[in-house]
């Protein structure tokens, strides 16, 4: 199964994470399919950058987010946009909305 999950990067005790698409059986820092964002918990508030178009694509083809990534996607509003996409809204309109929300 393909999952959206976190991949640790950074120095010792200075962790930051990439949000990657990877096979469930791969190790935490092992091979991955695509990098779709990053998460930095060391800032206040935590910094999250997500490529909305790619995340929506991977969710639409069956990728499952891990618990931590699911929380990040809820906080950025991506899961709400995904639910709206399932109800029939165009992905282009949702991506434009996400870009406008990120700019403010």
Protein backbone atom coordinates (compact mmCIF):
# COMPACT_ATOMS: atom_id res chain seq x y z
CA UNK A 1 0.00 0.00 0.00
CA UNK A 2 1.20 3.50 -0.79
CA UNK A 3 1.26 5.94 2.13
CA UNK A 4 1.86 9.63 2.73
CA UNK A 5 4.22 9.80 5.68
CA UNK A 6 7.03 11.75 7.32
CA UNK A 7 10.71 11.27 6.54
CA UNK A 8 13.14 12.66 9.11
CA UNK A 9 15.88 15.05 8.00
CA UNK A 10 18.07 17.49 9.87
CA UNK A 11 20.77 17.30 12.49
CA UNK A 12 20.70 15.43 15.75
CA UNK A 13 18.09 17.01 18.07
CA UNK A 14 17.14 19.46 15.29
CA UNK A 15 14.64 17.37 13.39
CA UNK A 16 12.53 18.53 10.51
CA UNK A 17 10.52 16.29 8.22
CA UNK A 18 9.64 15.82 4.58
CA UNK A 19 6.19 14.61 3.62
CA UNK A 20 6.79 11.82 1.13
CA UNK A 21 4.82 9.24 -0.81
CA UNK A 22 6.33 5.83 -0.06
CA UNK A 23 5.53 2.16 -0.05
CA UNK A 24 4.33 1.06 3.37
CA UNK A 25 7.06 -1.61 3.59
CA UNK A 26 9.95 0.84 3.05
CA UNK A 27 11.90 1.97 6.11
CA UNK A 28 11.33 5.44 7.58
CA UNK A 29 14.25 7.03 5.76
CA UNK A 30 14.37 4.49 2.95
CA UNK A 31 13.23 4.80 -0.63
CA UNK A 32 10.28 6.96 -1.52
CA UNK A 33 8.27 7.73 -4.63
CA UNK A 34 7.83 11.50 -4.41
CA UNK A 35 8.47 14.41 -2.04
CA UNK A 36 5.21 16.40 -1.62
CA UNK A 37 5.99 18.82 1.20
CA UNK A 38 7.80 19.49 4.44
CA UNK A 39 7.07 20.03 8.13
CA UNK A 40 9.22 21.92 10.63
CA UNK A 41 8.03 21.41 14.24
CA UNK A 42 10.82 23.58 15.69
CA UNK A 43 9.20 26.88 14.69
CA UNK A 44 6.35 28.50 16.59
CA UNK A 45 3.79 27.76 15.15
CA UNK A 46 5.04 24.70 13.23
CA UNK A 47 5.72 25.39 9.54
CA UNK A 48 3.95 23.20 6.99
CA UNK A 49 4.49 23.44 3.22
CA UNK A 50 2.37 21.10 1.13
CA UNK A 51 2.13 20.71 -2.65
CA UNK A 52 -1.67 20.58 -2.72
CA UNK A 53 -2.00 19.37 -6.31
CA UNK A 54 0.27 16.37 -5.78
CA UNK A 55 -1.24 15.46 -2.40
CA UNK A 56 -4.76 15.58 -3.85
CA UNK A 57 -3.59 13.41 -6.76
CA UNK A 58 -2.04 10.78 -4.50
CA UNK A 59 -5.08 10.72 -2.21
CA UNK A 60 -7.33 10.30 -5.25
CA UNK A 61 -5.41 7.24 -6.48
CA UNK A 62 -5.61 5.52 -3.09
CA UNK A 63 -2.62 6.63 -1.01
CA UNK A 64 -3.36 6.61 2.73
CA UNK A 65 -1.91 9.33 5.01
CA UNK A 66 -0.21 8.29 8.24
CA UNK A 67 -1.66 9.61 11.49
CA UNK A 68 0.89 12.45 11.73
CA UNK A 69 0.48 13.47 8.08
CA UNK A 70 -3.29 13.32 8.43
CA UNK A 71 -3.07 15.82 11.29
CA UNK A 72 -0.84 18.11 9.20
CA UNK A 73 -3.21 17.90 6.22
CA UNK A 74 -6.18 18.75 8.45
CA UNK A 75 -4.33 21.76 9.83
CA UNK A 76 -3.51 23.05 6.33
CA UNK A 77 -7.05 22.38 5.05
CA UNK A 78 -6.00 19.83 2.44
CA UNK A 79 -8.24 17.03 3.74
CA UNK A 80 -11.27 19.35 3.62
CA UNK A 81 -10.44 20.18 0.00
CA UNK A 82 -10.04 16.47 -0.73
CA UNK A 83 -13.52 15.78 0.65
CA UNK A 84 -14.89 18.54 -1.58
CA UNK A 85 -13.05 17.03 -4.56
CA UNK A 86 -14.75 13.69 -3.88
CA UNK A 87 -18.10 15.48 -4.01
CA UNK A 88 -17.36 16.75 -7.52
CA UNK A 89 -15.45 20.05 -7.33
CA UNK A 90 -12.70 20.56 -9.89
CA UNK A 91 -9.16 19.94 -8.67
CA UNK A 92 -7.89 23.09 -10.45
CA UNK A 93 -10.27 25.31 -8.47
CA UNK A 94 -9.23 23.66 -5.21
CA UNK A 95 -5.52 24.11 -5.96
CA UNK A 96 -6.07 27.79 -6.77
CA UNK A 97 -7.97 28.20 -3.51
CA UNK A 98 -5.08 26.58 -1.61
CA UNK A 99 -2.55 28.89 -3.28
CA UNK A 100 -4.65 31.93 -2.36
CA UNK A 101 -4.93 30.73 1.24
CA UNK A 102 -1.16 30.15 1.42
CA UNK A 103 -0.44 33.67 0.11
CA UNK A 104 -2.34 35.34 2.97
